[in-house]
Structure formats: structure tokens, C-alpha cells
C-alpha atoms as a PDB file:
ATOM      1  CA  MET A   1      77.695-150.882 172.533  1.00  0.00           C
ATOM      2  CA  ASN A   2      81.229-150.791 171.156  1.00  0.00           C
ATOM      3  CA  ILE A   3      83.567-147.953 170.116  1.00  0.00           C
ATOM      4  CA  PRO A   4      82.565-147.868 166.409  1.00  0.00           C
ATOM      5  CA  ASN A   5      78.876-147.752 167.360  1.00  0.00           C
ATOM      6  CA  LEU A   6      79.497-144.983 169.895  1.00  0.00           C
ATOM      7  CA  ILE A   7      81.272-142.958 167.200  1.00  0.00           C
ATOM      8  CA  THR A   8      78.296-143.460 164.874  1.00  0.00           C
ATOM      9  CA  VAL A   9      75.871-142.346 167.596  1.00  0.00           C
ATOM     10  CA  LEU A  10      78.108-139.303 168.192  1.00  0.00           C
ATOM     11  CA  ARG A  11      77.705-138.398 164.508  1.00  0.00           C
ATOM     12  CA  VAL A  12      73.916-138.352 164.919  1.00  0.00           C
ATOM     13  CA  LEU A  13      74.219-136.292 168.101  1.00  0.00           C
ATOM     14  CA  LEU A  14      76.375-133.748 166.256  1.00  0.00           C
ATOM     15  CA  ILE A  15      73.448-132.844 163.952  1.00  0.00           C
ATOM     16  CA  PRO A  16      71.630-130.474 166.375  1.00  0.00           C
ATOM     17  CA  ILE A  17      74.978-128.904 167.348  1.00  0.00           C
ATOM     18  CA  PHE A  18      75.791-128.430 163.668  1.00  0.00           C
ATOM     19  CA  ILE A  19      72.382-126.781 163.041  1.00  0.00           C
ATOM     20  CA  LEU A  20      72.758-124.498 166.051  1.00  0.00           C
ATOM     21  CA  LEU A  21      76.235-123.387 164.961  1.00  0.00           C
ATOM     22  CA  PHE A  22      75.037-122.817 161.397  1.00  0.00           C
ATOM     23  CA  TYR A  23      72.386-120.330 162.560  1.00  0.00           C
ATOM     24  CA  MET A  24      74.449-118.484 165.167  1.00  0.00           C
ATOM     25  CA  PRO A  25      74.825-114.800 164.237  1.00  0.00           C
ATOM     26  CA  PHE A  26      78.613-114.698 164.526  1.00  0.00           C
ATOM     27  CA  SER A  27      81.251-114.390 161.809  1.00  0.00           C
ATOM     28  CA  TRP A  28      82.940-117.580 163.064  1.00  0.00           C
ATOM     29  CA  SER A  29      79.755-119.662 162.873  1.00  0.00           C
ATOM     30  CA  TYR A  30      80.506-120.610 159.243  1.00  0.00           C
ATOM     31  CA  TYR A  31      83.824-122.114 160.271  1.00  0.00           C
ATOM     32  CA  ALA A  32      82.367-123.773 163.361  1.00  0.00           C
ATOM     33  CA  ALA A  33      79.518-125.427 161.434  1.00  0.00           C
ATOM     34  CA  SER A  34      81.961-126.500 158.731  1.00  0.00           C
ATOM     35  CA  ALA A  35      84.330-127.949 161.356  1.00  0.00           C
ATOM     36  CA  VAL A  36      81.540-129.949 163.005  1.00  0.00           C
ATOM     37  CA  PHE A  37      80.468-131.291 159.603  1.00  0.00           C
ATOM     38  CA  ALA A  38      84.115-132.148 158.794  1.00  0.00           C
ATOM     39  CA  LEU A  39      84.399-133.952 162.139  1.00  0.00           C
ATOM     40  CA  ALA A  40      81.263-135.929 161.291  1.00  0.00           C
ATOM     41  CA  ALA A  41      82.711-136.806 157.866  1.00  0.00           C
ATOM     42  CA  VAL A  42      85.914-138.071 159.500  1.00  0.00           C
ATOM     43  CA  THR A  43      83.952-140.122 162.040  1.00  0.00           C
ATOM     44  CA  ASP A  44      82.077-141.714 159.123  1.00  0.00           C
ATOM     45  CA  TRP A  45      85.384-143.119 157.902  1.00  0.00           C
ATOM     46  CA  LEU A  46      86.726-143.805 161.414  1.00  0.00           C
ATOM     47  CA  ASP A  47      83.814-145.889 162.709  1.00  0.00           C
ATOM     48  CA  GLY A  48      83.951-148.166 159.660  1.00  0.00           C
ATOM     49  CA  TYR A  49      87.728-148.506 159.900  1.00  0.00           C
ATOM     50  CA  LEU A  50      87.579-149.356 163.616  1.00  0.00           C
ATOM     51  CA  ALA A  51      84.708-151.804 163.163  1.00  0.00           C
ATOM     52  CA  ARG A  52      86.770-153.723 160.583  1.00  0.00           C
ATOM     53  CA  ARG A  53      90.099-153.374 162.393  1.00  0.00           C
ATOM     54  CA  LEU A  54      88.741-154.352 165.822  1.00  0.00           C
ATOM     55  CA  GLN A  55      86.328-156.900 164.314  1.00  0.00           C
ATOM     56  CA  GLN A  56      83.433-155.127 166.017  1.00  0.00           C
ATOM     57  CA  SER A  57      80.934-154.969 163.179  1.00  0.00           C
ATOM     58  CA  THR A  58      77.390-155.259 164.484  1.00  0.00           C
ATOM     59  CA  PRO A  59      73.933-155.254 162.908  1.00  0.00           C
ATOM     60  CA  PHE A  60      73.196-152.011 164.797  1.00  0.00           C
ATOM     61  CA  GLY A  61      76.300-150.363 163.348  1.00  0.00           C
ATOM     62  CA  ALA A  62      75.544-151.655 159.845  1.00  0.00           C
ATOM     63  CA  PHE A  63      72.080-150.087 160.135  1.00  0.00           C
ATOM     64  CA  LEU A  64      72.982-146.797 161.832  1.00  0.00           C
ATOM     65  CA  ASP A  65      76.164-145.894 159.911  1.00  0.00           C
ATOM     66  CA  PRO A  66      74.512-145.171 156.546  1.00  0.00           C
ATOM     67  CA  VAL A  67      71.546-143.542 158.291  1.00  0.00           C
ATOM     68  CA  ALA A  68      73.835-141.177 160.213  1.00  0.00           C
ATOM     69  CA  ASP A  69      75.707-140.298 157.027  1.00  0.00           C
ATOM     70  CA  LYS A  70      72.545-139.620 155.025  1.00  0.00           C
ATOM     71  CA  LEU A  71      71.013-137.545 157.849  1.00  0.00           C
ATOM     72  CA  MET A  72      74.090-135.358 158.206  1.00  0.00           C
ATOM     73  CA  VAL A  73      74.413-134.793 154.445  1.00  0.00           C
ATOM     74  CA  ALA A  74      70.682-134.151 153.930  1.00  0.00           C
ATOM     75  CA  VAL A  75      70.549-131.662 156.815  1.00  0.00           C
ATOM     76  CA  ALA A  76      73.651-129.853 155.525  1.00  0.00           C
ATOM     77  CA  LEU A  77      72.267-129.669 151.983  1.00  0.00           C
ATOM     78  CA  VAL A  78      68.889-128.385 153.172  1.00  0.00           C
ATOM     79  CA  LEU A  79      70.583-125.680 155.257  1.00  0.00           C
ATOM     80  CA  LEU A  80      72.826-124.676 152.351  1.00  0.00           C
ATOM     81  CA  VAL A  81      69.913-124.559 149.883  1.00  0.00           C
ATOM     82  CA  GLU A  82      67.974-122.304 152.254  1.00  0.00           C
ATOM     83  CA  HIS A  83      71.019-120.108 152.823  1.00  0.00           C
ATOM     84  CA  HIS A  84      72.232-119.796 149.228  1.00  0.00           C
ATOM     85  CA  GLY A  85      68.850-119.979 147.494  1.00  0.00           C
ATOM     86  CA  ASN A  86      70.023-120.569 143.931  1.00  0.00           C
ATOM     87  CA  LEU A  87      69.843-123.167 141.177  1.00  0.00           C
ATOM     88  CA  TRP A  88      73.586-123.977 141.358  1.00  0.00           C
ATOM     89  CA  LEU A  89      73.118-125.479 144.787  1.00  0.00           C
ATOM     90  CA  THR A  90      69.433-126.469 144.786  1.00  0.00           C
ATOM     91  CA  LEU A  91      69.519-128.743 141.728  1.00  0.00           C
ATOM     92  CA  PRO A  92      72.579-130.783 142.799  1.00  0.00           C
ATOM     93  CA  ALA A  93      71.192-131.012 146.350  1.00  0.00           C
ATOM     94  CA  ALA A  94      67.841-132.307 145.045  1.00  0.00           C
ATOM     95  CA  ILE A  95      69.650-134.863 142.866  1.00  0.00           C
ATOM     96  CA  ILE A  96      71.819-136.059 145.756  1.00  0.00           C
ATOM     97  CA  ILE A  97      68.954-136.340 148.256  1.00  0.00           C
ATOM     98  CA  GLY A  98      66.629-137.889 145.646  1.00  0.00           C
ATOM     99  CA  ARG A  99      69.240-140.488 144.707  1.00  0.00           C
ATOM    100  CA  GLU A 100      69.682-141.465 148.350  1.00  0.00           C
ATOM    101  CA  ILE A 101      65.946-142.083 148.660  1.00  0.00           C
ATOM    102  CA  VAL A 102      65.836-144.133 145.438  1.00  0.00           C
ATOM    103  CA  ILE A 103      68.893-146.238 146.290  1.00  0.00           C
ATOM    104  CA  SER A 104      67.782-146.798 149.897  1.00  0.00           C
ATOM    105  CA  ALA A 105      64.430-148.076 148.639  1.00  0.00           C
ATOM    106  CA  LEU A 106      66.148-150.200 145.990  1.00  0.00           C
ATOM    107  CA  ARG A 107      68.528-151.760 148.529  1.00  0.00           C
ATOM    108  CA  GLU A 108      65.641-152.500 150.880  1.00  0.00           C
ATOM    109  CA  TRP A 109      63.636-154.147 148.105  1.00  0.00           C
ATOM    110  CA  MET A 110      66.675-156.113 146.846  1.00  0.00           C
ATOM    111  CA  ALA A 111      67.320-157.332 150.406  1.00  0.00           C
ATOM    112  CA  GLU A 112      63.716-158.543 150.624  1.00  0.00           C
ATOM    113  CA  ILE A 113      64.189-160.700 147.534  1.00  0.00           C
ATOM    114  CA  GLY A 114      67.624-161.915 148.686  1.00  0.00           C
ATOM    115  CA  ALA A 115      69.667-160.009 146.091  1.00  0.00           C
ATOM    116  CA  ARG A 116      71.141-157.211 148.256  1.00  0.00           C
ATOM    117  CA  ALA A 117      74.730-157.966 147.139  1.00  0.00           C
ATOM    118  CA  GLN A 118      73.864-156.807 143.620  1.00  0.00           C
ATOM    119  CA  VAL A 119      73.479-153.214 144.889  1.00  0.00           C
ATOM    120  CA  ALA A 120      76.488-153.052 147.212  1.00  0.00           C
ATOM    121  CA  VAL A 121      78.523-149.851 147.589  1.00  0.00           C
ATOM    122  CA  SER A 122      80.890-149.292 144.666  1.00  0.00           C
ATOM    123  CA  ASN A 123      84.131-147.328 144.252  1.00  0.00           C
ATOM    124  CA  LEU A 124      82.177-144.751 142.243  1.00  0.00           C
ATOM    125  CA  GLY A 125      80.106-144.127 145.366  1.00  0.00           C
ATOM    126  CA  LYS A 126      83.290-143.439 147.318  1.00  0.00           C
ATOM    127  CA  TRP A 127      84.394-140.794 144.765  1.00  0.00           C
ATOM    128  CA  LYS A 128      80.921-139.277 144.884  1.00  0.00           C
ATOM    129  CA  THR A 129      81.047-139.134 148.664  1.00  0.00           C
ATOM    130  CA  ALA A 130      84.494-137.516 148.650  1.00  0.00           C
ATOM    131  CA  ALA A 131      83.441-134.776 146.180  1.00  0.00           C
ATOM    132  CA  GLN A 132      80.193-134.242 148.096  1.00  0.00           C
ATOM    133  CA  MET A 133      81.875-133.952 151.504  1.00  0.00           C
ATOM    134  CA  VAL A 134      84.576-131.548 150.299  1.00  0.00           C
ATOM    135  CA  ALA A 135      81.907-129.452 148.536  1.00  0.00           C
ATOM    136  CA  ILE A 136      79.715-129.270 151.638  1.00  0.00           C
ATOM    137  CA  ILE A 137      82.630-128.464 153.951  1.00  0.00           C
ATOM    138  CA  THR A 138      83.771-125.709 151.562  1.00  0.00           C
ATOM    139  CA  LEU A 139      80.284-124.223 151.192  1.00  0.00           C
ATOM    140  CA  LEU A 140      79.601-124.340 154.935  1.00  0.00           C
ATOM    141  CA  ALA A 141      82.851-122.487 155.659  1.00  0.00           C
ATOM    142  CA  ASN A 142      81.898-119.515 153.481  1.00  0.00           C
ATOM    143  CA  PRO A 143      79.046-117.011 153.431  1.00  0.00           C
ATOM    144  CA  PRO A 144      76.719-117.261 150.415  1.00  0.00           C
ATOM    145  CA  LEU A 145      78.625-114.698 148.338  1.00  0.00           C
ATOM    146  CA  MET A 146      80.099-115.633 144.971  1.00  0.00           C
ATOM    147  CA  THR A 147      83.767-116.043 145.813  1.00  0.00           C
ATOM    148  CA  LEU A 148      86.356-118.422 144.424  1.00  0.00           C
ATOM    149  CA  TRP A 149      85.771-120.842 147.321  1.00  0.00           C
ATOM    150  CA  VAL A 150      82.005-120.804 146.895  1.00  0.00           C
ATOM    151  CA  GLY A 151      82.478-121.367 143.145  1.00  0.00           C
ATOM    152  CA  ILE A 152      84.730-124.333 143.901  1.00  0.00           C
ATOM    153  CA  GLY A 153      82.102-125.661 146.315  1.00  0.00           C
ATOM    154  CA  TYR A 154      79.374-125.339 143.674  1.00  0.00           C
ATOM    155  CA  GLY A 155      81.607-127.026 141.087  1.00  0.00           C
ATOM    156  CA  LEU A 156      82.381-129.948 143.402  1.00  0.00           C
ATOM    157  CA  LEU A 157      78.716-130.307 144.318  1.00  0.00           C
ATOM    158  CA  ILE A 158      77.773-130.396 140.625  1.00  0.00           C
ATOM    159  CA  ILE A 159      80.465-133.056 140.057  1.00  0.00           C
ATOM    160  CA  ALA A 160      79.097-134.999 143.041  1.00  0.00           C
ATOM    161  CA  ALA A 161      75.574-134.755 141.571  1.00  0.00           C
ATOM    162  CA  GLY A 162      76.863-136.064 138.221  1.00  0.00           C
ATOM    163  CA  LEU A 163      78.611-138.974 139.952  1.00  0.00           C
ATOM    164  CA  THR A 164      75.426-139.499 141.951  1.00  0.00           C
ATOM    165  CA  LEU A 165      73.353-139.903 138.791  1.00  0.00           C
ATOM    166  CA  TRP A 166      75.983-142.174 137.250  1.00  0.00           C
ATOM    167  CA  SER A 167      76.155-144.427 140.325  1.00  0.00           C
ATOM    168  CA  MET A 168      72.355-144.515 140.549  1.00  0.00           C
ATOM    169  CA  LEU A 169      72.209-145.644 136.924  1.00  0.00           C
ATOM    170  CA  GLN A 170      74.737-148.395 137.699  1.00  0.00           C
ATOM    171  CA  TYR A 171      72.685-149.588 140.671  1.00  0.00           C
ATOM    172  CA  LEU A 172      69.481-149.555 138.652  1.00  0.00           C
ATOM    173  CA  LEU A 173      71.116-151.450 135.786  1.00  0.00           C
ATOM    174  CA  ALA A 174      72.464-154.055 138.237  1.00  0.00           C
ATOM    175  CA  ALA A 175      68.996-154.433 139.729  1.00  0.00           C
ATOM    176  CA  TRP A 176      67.144-154.338 136.404  1.00  0.00           C
ATOM    177  CA  PRO A 177      66.972-158.134 135.882  1.00  0.00           C
ATOM    178  CA  HIS A 178      65.193-158.399 139.231  1.00  0.00           C
ATOM    179  CA  LEU A 179      62.998-155.366 138.615  1.00  0.00           C
ATOM    180  CA  SER A 180      61.904-156.513 135.156  1.00  0.00           C
ATOM    181  CA  ALA A 181      61.473-160.169 136.216  1.00  0.00           C
ATOM    182  CA  SER A 182      59.030-159.297 138.973  1.00  0.00           C
ATOM    183  CA  SER A 183      56.963-157.167 136.601  1.00  0.00           C
ATOM    184  CA  GLN A 184      56.737-160.053 134.114  1.00  0.00           C
ATOM    185  CA  LYS A 185      55.402-162.403 136.805  1.00  0.00           C
ATOM    186  CA  LYS A 186      52.428-160.159 137.598  1.00  0.00           C
END
């Protein structure tokens, strides 16, 4: 167990703390939950940076890092959908979570056929992640009342959902020769 892996495990362990803070009946709980999510977002960058910098990449870290990220984002989106209860948040959240399921399955299948590199993370995915994280942090920090900040959060989440669909289309197009070839062989 190295430092990058410990940071990744910490991100998973922050999830129950984040949930508890989100539901606490105090005015500061919005900020506290948002701060814990922001800390998790920073550790997502930090563990990858340290793994590369210290040359401590491991199979465990390569497995757990994206899982920790997807868990934290999915939990945050589910909590926000329940709390806000509107189309402006529910539809982008469903798109983002649905895309993660589709792309995870696609990457797994592509790895099985030895073509995993064709669905590697792209720069578009990094922009999507940035918009998504800022949107979630902003929405977590504010009560579900239509304010300027909540509107900005919704707007960023909608942008993230659009980038999500675009990146999913790119992944599917990159994988299409493999997807269509296997259906022709049957």
C-alpha cells in the first residue's frame, strides 16, 4: 500500500462522512458536505499526480481510482436529485450516471478483446469532469432554492451532461469497428 493508493482509499472512506454531513440539520452542513466533496475531487487529481511523480502506479490503484471517483460523483448526484427534485438536475444526473455505466461496460468489453487503448480517457473527458465537479461543489454548497449560484450549478451540470454525451459518442465511434465486427461474425 503506497501513498497514492492510501489517498484513493481515503476518497472512498469520505463517502459516508459526506452523506452524514449532507443530511445534518444545520445551516453549515451544505458547506461541510461541499467541502468534503471538494476535498475528494482534489484527492482524485492528487493520487494520480503522486502515482506518476513517485512512479508508484499499481494495478490496485488503476482499478480503485476510477471506482472511487464514480462512487463519489454518483452518490453526490443521487443526493442532489433527491434534495432538489427537479428536471434541471435529474436529467443531467441521469445522463452522467448512465454514461458512466455504458463506458465502464464498453471499456471492460474492449479490454476483454484486447482493444482497451481505443477507449482511453480523452481531453474531452477532463473538461467534462471539471464542469461536473464545479457544478456538484456549487450545488452542494447551496440549499435547493433558485439563486444565482444554484442556477450556475444547474448550467454547469447541463454543460457537463452535454460533454458527457459527446464523449460517450466519441468512445462508441472509436469502438464501433469492434462492436460491428463481432456482430458480423455471429
